[in-house]
N, C-alpha and C. Protein backbone atom coordinates (compact mmCIF):
# COMPACT_ATOMS: atom_id res chain seq x y z
N UNK A 1 -8.44 0.17 14.60
CA UNK A 1 -8.31 -1.28 14.58
C UNK A 1 -7.30 -1.66 13.49
N UNK A 2 -6.51 -2.68 13.77
CA UNK A 2 -5.47 -3.11 12.85
C UNK A 2 -5.90 -4.30 12.00
N UNK A 3 -5.20 -4.47 10.88
CA UNK A 3 -5.46 -5.58 9.96
C UNK A 3 -5.43 -6.91 10.70
N UNK A 4 -4.47 -7.10 11.60
CA UNK A 4 -4.33 -8.39 12.31
C UNK A 4 -5.58 -8.77 13.09
N UNK A 5 -6.37 -7.78 13.47
CA UNK A 5 -7.58 -8.04 14.25
C UNK A 5 -8.77 -8.43 13.38
N UNK A 6 -8.70 -8.17 12.09
CA UNK A 6 -9.83 -8.42 11.20
C UNK A 6 -9.55 -9.50 10.15
N UNK A 7 -8.29 -9.77 9.88
CA UNK A 7 -7.95 -10.69 8.79
C UNK A 7 -8.33 -12.13 9.13
N UNK A 8 -8.47 -12.92 8.10
CA UNK A 8 -8.67 -14.35 8.28
C UNK A 8 -7.29 -15.00 8.31
N UNK A 9 -7.04 -15.79 9.33
CA UNK A 9 -5.73 -16.45 9.45
C UNK A 9 -5.75 -17.85 8.83
N UNK A 10 -6.93 -18.33 8.48
CA UNK A 10 -7.03 -19.61 7.77
C UNK A 10 -7.00 -19.30 6.28
N UNK A 11 -5.82 -19.43 5.70
CA UNK A 11 -5.60 -19.02 4.32
C UNK A 11 -5.65 -20.25 3.41
N UNK A 12 -6.46 -20.15 2.37
CA UNK A 12 -6.51 -21.21 1.36
C UNK A 12 -5.36 -20.98 0.39
N UNK A 13 -4.54 -22.01 0.20
CA UNK A 13 -3.43 -21.94 -0.75
C UNK A 13 -3.66 -22.96 -1.85
N UNK A 14 -3.36 -22.56 -3.07
CA UNK A 14 -3.41 -23.47 -4.21
C UNK A 14 -2.12 -23.31 -4.99
N UNK A 15 -1.84 -24.28 -5.83
CA UNK A 15 -0.65 -24.23 -6.67
C UNK A 15 -0.99 -23.76 -8.07
N UNK A 16 0.00 -23.33 -8.83
CA UNK A 16 -0.24 -22.83 -10.18
C UNK A 16 -0.74 -23.90 -11.14
N UNK A 17 -0.50 -25.17 -10.85
CA UNK A 17 -0.93 -26.25 -11.74
C UNK A 17 -2.35 -26.72 -11.47
N UNK A 18 -2.98 -26.24 -10.40
CA UNK A 18 -4.38 -26.59 -10.15
C UNK A 18 -5.22 -26.08 -11.33
N UNK A 19 -6.26 -26.84 -11.68
CA UNK A 19 -7.20 -26.33 -12.67
C UNK A 19 -8.07 -25.28 -11.99
N UNK A 20 -8.70 -24.44 -12.79
CA UNK A 20 -9.60 -23.45 -12.20
C UNK A 20 -10.77 -24.13 -11.51
N UNK A 21 -11.23 -25.26 -12.03
CA UNK A 21 -12.31 -25.98 -11.36
C UNK A 21 -11.87 -26.46 -9.98
N UNK A 22 -10.65 -27.00 -9.88
CA UNK A 22 -10.16 -27.46 -8.58
C UNK A 22 -10.08 -26.28 -7.60
N UNK A 23 -9.55 -25.16 -8.08
CA UNK A 23 -9.43 -23.99 -7.21
C UNK A 23 -10.81 -23.49 -6.80
N UNK A 24 -11.75 -23.46 -7.74
CA UNK A 24 -13.11 -23.00 -7.43
C UNK A 24 -13.77 -23.92 -6.42
N UNK A 25 -13.56 -25.23 -6.56
CA UNK A 25 -14.15 -26.18 -5.62
C UNK A 25 -13.60 -25.96 -4.21
N UNK A 26 -12.30 -25.74 -4.11
CA UNK A 26 -11.68 -25.49 -2.81
C UNK A 26 -12.18 -24.17 -2.21
N UNK A 27 -12.30 -23.15 -3.05
CA UNK A 27 -12.78 -21.86 -2.57
C UNK A 27 -14.23 -21.98 -2.10
N UNK A 28 -15.03 -22.74 -2.81
CA UNK A 28 -16.43 -22.95 -2.43
C UNK A 28 -16.51 -23.71 -1.11
N UNK A 29 -15.71 -24.76 -1.02
CA UNK A 29 -15.70 -25.58 0.21
C UNK A 29 -15.33 -24.75 1.43
N UNK A 30 -14.34 -23.87 1.27
CA UNK A 30 -13.87 -23.04 2.38
C UNK A 30 -14.67 -21.76 2.55
N UNK A 31 -15.56 -21.49 1.59
CA UNK A 31 -16.39 -20.28 1.60
C UNK A 31 -15.55 -19.01 1.61
N UNK A 32 -14.56 -18.97 0.69
CA UNK A 32 -13.70 -17.80 0.54
C UNK A 32 -13.73 -17.34 -0.92
N UNK A 33 -13.43 -16.09 -1.12
CA UNK A 33 -13.45 -15.52 -2.46
C UNK A 33 -12.09 -15.40 -3.09
N UNK A 34 -11.06 -15.91 -2.40
CA UNK A 34 -9.70 -15.81 -2.94
C UNK A 34 -8.83 -16.92 -2.37
N UNK A 35 -7.82 -17.28 -3.16
CA UNK A 35 -6.83 -18.26 -2.72
C UNK A 35 -5.44 -17.69 -3.00
N UNK A 36 -4.54 -17.87 -2.07
CA UNK A 36 -3.15 -17.47 -2.26
C UNK A 36 -2.48 -18.56 -3.10
N UNK A 37 -1.76 -18.13 -4.12
CA UNK A 37 -1.10 -19.07 -5.01
C UNK A 37 0.37 -19.15 -4.62
N UNK A 38 0.76 -20.37 -4.25
CA UNK A 38 2.15 -20.62 -3.86
C UNK A 38 2.84 -21.29 -5.05
N UNK A 39 3.84 -20.62 -5.58
CA UNK A 39 4.59 -21.16 -6.71
C UNK A 39 6.05 -21.27 -6.30
N UNK A 40 6.50 -22.49 -5.97
CA UNK A 40 7.87 -22.63 -5.51
C UNK A 40 8.91 -22.20 -6.54
N UNK A 41 8.54 -22.18 -7.81
CA UNK A 41 9.47 -21.77 -8.86
C UNK A 41 9.33 -20.31 -9.24
N UNK A 42 8.28 -19.66 -8.73
CA UNK A 42 8.02 -18.26 -9.07
C UNK A 42 8.60 -17.33 -8.03
N UNK A 43 8.40 -16.05 -8.28
CA UNK A 43 8.87 -15.04 -7.33
C UNK A 43 7.68 -14.53 -6.54
N UNK A 44 7.69 -14.74 -5.26
CA UNK A 44 6.62 -14.25 -4.41
C UNK A 44 5.34 -15.05 -4.55
N UNK A 45 4.29 -14.49 -4.01
CA UNK A 45 2.99 -15.13 -4.01
C UNK A 45 2.09 -14.47 -5.04
N UNK A 46 1.05 -15.19 -5.42
CA UNK A 46 0.02 -14.64 -6.28
C UNK A 46 -1.32 -14.82 -5.59
N UNK A 47 -2.37 -14.34 -6.24
CA UNK A 47 -3.72 -14.51 -5.71
C UNK A 47 -4.66 -14.83 -6.86
N UNK A 48 -5.56 -15.73 -6.60
CA UNK A 48 -6.63 -16.07 -7.55
C UNK A 48 -7.93 -15.74 -6.87
N UNK A 49 -8.76 -14.96 -7.53
CA UNK A 49 -10.04 -14.56 -6.94
C UNK A 49 -11.20 -15.10 -7.76
N UNK A 50 -12.37 -15.00 -7.17
CA UNK A 50 -13.58 -15.42 -7.87
C UNK A 50 -13.74 -14.63 -9.16
N UNK A 51 -13.33 -13.39 -9.17
CA UNK A 51 -13.40 -12.57 -10.39
C UNK A 51 -12.53 -13.15 -11.49
N UNK A 52 -11.35 -13.65 -11.13
CA UNK A 52 -10.45 -14.25 -12.12
C UNK A 52 -11.11 -15.46 -12.78
N UNK A 53 -11.76 -16.26 -11.97
CA UNK A 53 -12.43 -17.47 -12.49
C UNK A 53 -13.60 -17.06 -13.38
N UNK A 54 -14.39 -16.08 -12.94
CA UNK A 54 -15.52 -15.62 -13.74
C UNK A 54 -15.07 -15.01 -15.07
N UNK A 55 -13.95 -14.30 -15.06
CA UNK A 55 -13.44 -13.71 -16.30
C UNK A 55 -13.08 -14.81 -17.30
N UNK A 56 -12.51 -15.89 -16.82
CA UNK A 56 -12.17 -17.02 -17.69
C UNK A 56 -13.44 -17.64 -18.27
N UNK A 57 -14.41 -17.90 -17.42
CA UNK A 57 -15.67 -18.50 -17.87
C UNK A 57 -16.38 -17.56 -18.85
N UNK A 58 -16.42 -16.29 -18.52
CA UNK A 58 -17.07 -15.31 -19.39
C UNK A 58 -16.44 -15.21 -20.76
N UNK A 59 -15.15 -15.49 -20.83
CA UNK A 59 -14.44 -15.44 -22.11
C UNK A 59 -14.50 -16.78 -22.85
N UNK A 60 -15.24 -17.74 -22.29
CA UNK A 60 -15.40 -19.03 -22.96
C UNK A 60 -14.35 -20.06 -22.58
N UNK A 61 -13.56 -19.78 -21.55
CA UNK A 61 -12.52 -20.72 -21.11
C UNK A 61 -13.11 -21.96 -20.45
N UNK A 62 -12.36 -23.03 -20.51
CA UNK A 62 -12.77 -24.31 -19.91
C UNK A 62 -12.07 -24.44 -18.56
N UNK A 63 -12.84 -24.41 -17.48
CA UNK A 63 -12.25 -24.44 -16.14
C UNK A 63 -11.57 -25.77 -15.82
N UNK A 64 -11.84 -26.80 -16.61
CA UNK A 64 -11.16 -28.09 -16.41
C UNK A 64 -9.80 -28.11 -17.10
N UNK A 65 -9.61 -27.22 -18.06
CA UNK A 65 -8.37 -27.18 -18.84
C UNK A 65 -7.46 -26.03 -18.40
N UNK A 66 -8.08 -24.91 -18.09
CA UNK A 66 -7.32 -23.71 -17.70
C UNK A 66 -6.71 -23.91 -16.32
N UNK A 67 -5.46 -23.45 -16.19
CA UNK A 67 -4.74 -23.58 -14.92
C UNK A 67 -4.67 -22.24 -14.19
N UNK A 68 -4.54 -22.34 -12.89
CA UNK A 68 -4.42 -21.16 -12.03
C UNK A 68 -3.30 -20.24 -12.52
N UNK A 69 -2.20 -20.81 -12.97
CA UNK A 69 -1.04 -20.02 -13.38
C UNK A 69 -1.36 -19.01 -14.48
N UNK A 70 -2.36 -19.30 -15.29
CA UNK A 70 -2.72 -18.40 -16.40
C UNK A 70 -3.70 -17.31 -16.00
N UNK A 71 -4.21 -17.35 -14.78
CA UNK A 71 -5.27 -16.42 -14.41
C UNK A 71 -5.04 -15.70 -13.09
N UNK A 72 -3.95 -15.95 -12.43
CA UNK A 72 -3.71 -15.32 -11.14
C UNK A 72 -3.13 -13.93 -11.30
N UNK A 73 -3.18 -13.18 -10.24
CA UNK A 73 -2.53 -11.87 -10.17
C UNK A 73 -1.23 -12.05 -9.43
N UNK A 74 -0.13 -11.66 -10.07
CA UNK A 74 1.20 -11.82 -9.46
C UNK A 74 1.68 -10.52 -8.82
N UNK A 75 1.28 -9.40 -9.37
CA UNK A 75 1.75 -8.10 -8.89
C UNK A 75 0.84 -7.64 -7.75
N UNK A 76 1.10 -8.16 -6.56
CA UNK A 76 0.22 -7.92 -5.42
C UNK A 76 0.62 -6.70 -4.61
N UNK A 77 -0.38 -6.13 -3.97
CA UNK A 77 -0.16 -5.18 -2.90
C UNK A 77 -0.33 -5.98 -1.63
N UNK A 78 0.71 -6.06 -0.84
CA UNK A 78 0.66 -6.81 0.41
C UNK A 78 0.33 -5.86 1.56
N UNK A 79 -0.40 -6.37 2.53
CA UNK A 79 -0.69 -5.58 3.73
C UNK A 79 0.19 -6.06 4.86
N UNK A 80 0.50 -5.17 5.75
CA UNK A 80 1.21 -5.49 6.98
C UNK A 80 0.16 -5.64 8.07
N UNK A 81 0.32 -6.60 8.97
CA UNK A 81 -0.68 -6.78 10.03
C UNK A 81 -0.89 -5.54 10.90
N UNK A 82 0.08 -4.64 10.92
CA UNK A 82 -0.04 -3.45 11.77
C UNK A 82 -0.75 -2.29 11.07
N UNK A 83 -1.07 -2.45 9.78
CA UNK A 83 -1.82 -1.39 9.11
C UNK A 83 -3.17 -1.20 9.81
N UNK A 84 -3.68 0.00 9.74
CA UNK A 84 -5.05 0.22 10.20
C UNK A 84 -6.01 -0.29 9.11
N UNK A 85 -7.24 -0.54 9.51
CA UNK A 85 -8.23 -0.95 8.51
C UNK A 85 -8.48 0.17 7.50
N UNK A 86 -8.34 1.41 7.92
CA UNK A 86 -8.48 2.53 7.00
C UNK A 86 -7.39 2.49 5.94
N UNK A 87 -6.15 2.18 6.34
CA UNK A 87 -5.06 2.07 5.36
C UNK A 87 -5.32 0.93 4.38
N UNK A 88 -5.79 -0.20 4.89
CA UNK A 88 -6.08 -1.35 4.05
C UNK A 88 -7.21 -1.03 3.07
N UNK A 89 -8.28 -0.41 3.58
CA UNK A 89 -9.41 -0.06 2.72
C UNK A 89 -8.97 0.93 1.64
N UNK A 90 -8.14 1.89 1.99
CA UNK A 90 -7.64 2.86 1.00
C UNK A 90 -6.81 2.16 -0.08
N UNK A 91 -5.98 1.20 0.32
CA UNK A 91 -5.18 0.46 -0.66
C UNK A 91 -6.08 -0.33 -1.61
N UNK A 92 -7.15 -0.91 -1.07
CA UNK A 92 -8.09 -1.66 -1.91
C UNK A 92 -8.79 -0.75 -2.90
N UNK A 93 -9.21 0.41 -2.44
CA UNK A 93 -9.89 1.36 -3.33
C UNK A 93 -8.93 1.84 -4.42
N UNK A 94 -7.70 2.20 -4.03
CA UNK A 94 -6.72 2.67 -5.01
C UNK A 94 -6.44 1.61 -6.07
N UNK A 95 -6.31 0.35 -5.63
CA UNK A 95 -5.96 -0.73 -6.55
C UNK A 95 -7.13 -1.37 -7.25
N UNK A 96 -8.35 -1.11 -6.78
CA UNK A 96 -9.53 -1.70 -7.40
C UNK A 96 -9.67 -3.19 -7.15
N UNK A 97 -9.25 -3.64 -5.97
CA UNK A 97 -9.37 -5.06 -5.63
C UNK A 97 -10.02 -5.21 -4.27
N UNK A 98 -10.41 -6.45 -3.94
CA UNK A 98 -11.19 -6.71 -2.73
C UNK A 98 -10.48 -7.59 -1.71
N UNK A 99 -9.26 -8.00 -1.98
CA UNK A 99 -8.51 -8.87 -1.07
C UNK A 99 -7.07 -8.39 -0.96
N UNK A 100 -6.55 -8.46 0.25
CA UNK A 100 -5.14 -8.18 0.49
C UNK A 100 -4.50 -9.40 1.16
N UNK A 101 -3.36 -9.81 0.63
CA UNK A 101 -2.58 -10.85 1.28
C UNK A 101 -1.76 -10.16 2.36
N UNK A 102 -1.80 -10.71 3.56
CA UNK A 102 -1.11 -10.09 4.70
C UNK A 102 0.19 -10.86 4.93
N UNK A 103 1.29 -10.11 4.92
CA UNK A 103 2.64 -10.68 5.04
C UNK A 103 3.33 -10.14 6.28
N UNK A 104 3.97 -11.04 7.01
CA UNK A 104 4.79 -10.64 8.15
C UNK A 104 6.06 -11.47 8.13
N UNK A 105 7.21 -10.81 8.14
CA UNK A 105 8.51 -11.49 8.07
C UNK A 105 8.57 -12.44 6.88
N UNK A 106 8.10 -11.99 5.72
CA UNK A 106 8.13 -12.73 4.45
C UNK A 106 7.19 -13.93 4.41
N UNK A 107 6.35 -14.12 5.41
CA UNK A 107 5.41 -15.24 5.45
C UNK A 107 3.98 -14.72 5.32
N UNK A 108 3.15 -15.50 4.62
CA UNK A 108 1.73 -15.17 4.56
C UNK A 108 1.11 -15.53 5.91
N UNK A 109 0.50 -14.53 6.54
CA UNK A 109 -0.13 -14.76 7.85
C UNK A 109 -1.64 -14.59 7.81
N UNK A 110 -2.17 -14.12 6.68
CA UNK A 110 -3.61 -13.95 6.58
C UNK A 110 -4.03 -13.34 5.27
N UNK A 111 -5.33 -13.24 5.11
CA UNK A 111 -5.95 -12.55 3.98
C UNK A 111 -7.02 -11.63 4.56
N UNK A 112 -7.04 -10.42 4.09
CA UNK A 112 -8.06 -9.46 4.51
C UNK A 112 -8.95 -9.16 3.32
N UNK A 113 -10.25 -9.29 3.51
CA UNK A 113 -11.19 -9.00 2.43
C UNK A 113 -12.03 -7.80 2.81
N UNK A 114 -12.69 -7.22 1.82
CA UNK A 114 -13.62 -6.13 2.08
C UNK A 114 -14.69 -6.61 3.05
N UNK A 115 -15.12 -7.86 2.90
CA UNK A 115 -16.13 -8.41 3.82
C UNK A 115 -15.63 -8.38 5.26
N UNK A 116 -14.35 -8.70 5.47
CA UNK A 116 -13.79 -8.66 6.83
C UNK A 116 -13.87 -7.24 7.41
N UNK A 117 -13.53 -6.26 6.57
CA UNK A 117 -13.56 -4.87 7.03
C UNK A 117 -14.99 -4.45 7.37
N UNK A 118 -15.92 -4.76 6.48
CA UNK A 118 -17.31 -4.40 6.72
C UNK A 118 -17.84 -5.08 7.98
N UNK A 119 -17.49 -6.35 8.16
CA UNK A 119 -17.94 -7.09 9.35
C UNK A 119 -17.45 -6.40 10.62
N UNK A 120 -16.17 -6.07 10.66
CA UNK A 120 -15.61 -5.45 11.86
C UNK A 120 -16.19 -4.06 12.08
N UNK A 121 -16.28 -3.27 11.02
CA UNK A 121 -16.82 -1.93 11.18
C UNK A 121 -18.28 -1.97 11.59
N UNK A 122 -19.03 -2.94 11.11
CA UNK A 122 -20.44 -3.07 11.49
C UNK A 122 -20.58 -3.49 12.94
N UNK A 123 -19.74 -4.45 13.36
CA UNK A 123 -19.79 -4.91 14.75
C UNK A 123 -19.39 -3.81 15.72
N UNK A 124 -18.41 -3.02 15.36
CA UNK A 124 -17.92 -1.99 16.28
C UNK A 124 -18.82 -0.77 16.30
N UNK A 125 -19.70 -0.63 15.29
CA UNK A 125 -20.57 0.54 15.28
C UNK A 125 -21.93 0.27 15.89
N UNK A 126 -22.18 -0.98 16.29
CA UNK A 126 -23.45 -1.31 16.93
C UNK A 126 -23.54 -0.64 18.29
N UNK A 127 -24.69 -0.07 18.61
CA UNK A 127 -24.83 0.52 19.94
C UNK A 127 -24.82 -0.58 21.00
N UNK A 128 -24.22 -0.27 22.10
CA UNK A 128 -24.19 -1.27 23.17
C UNK A 128 -25.54 -1.34 23.86
N UNK A 129 -25.88 -2.54 24.29
CA UNK A 129 -27.15 -2.75 24.96
C UNK A 129 -26.90 -2.72 26.47
N UNK A 130 -27.63 -1.88 27.15
CA UNK A 130 -27.49 -1.82 28.60
C UNK A 130 -28.77 -2.29 29.27
N UNK A 131 -28.62 -2.90 30.39
CA UNK A 131 -29.80 -3.44 31.10
C UNK A 131 -30.40 -2.40 32.02
């Protein structure tokens, strides 16, 4: 199975000037653990995850004052929609992260999470019910 079959195509995007509280509220509303950060002045895309927000809070940061730009990951590993889920899972394990931004022709087309992979692998491993 390929990444394109498991990824979420509804991608939450936030800007670098959003506060962490604003980003967290949007992530909560959409029920996602990551947001793609679009910075028109930066190079490429970034990602902000729930872990990034928790790290800020754990260090005593103020989510109303801290901005996404100070807590995002810029050095991303991007997935291609044609990768297999095994390739994507291996990249996640190697990098120690749980989300991959999926890029096709320089555009963000989705996000793949560990949850997406587990969901698909669980659904495909269920025994079929016959009457």
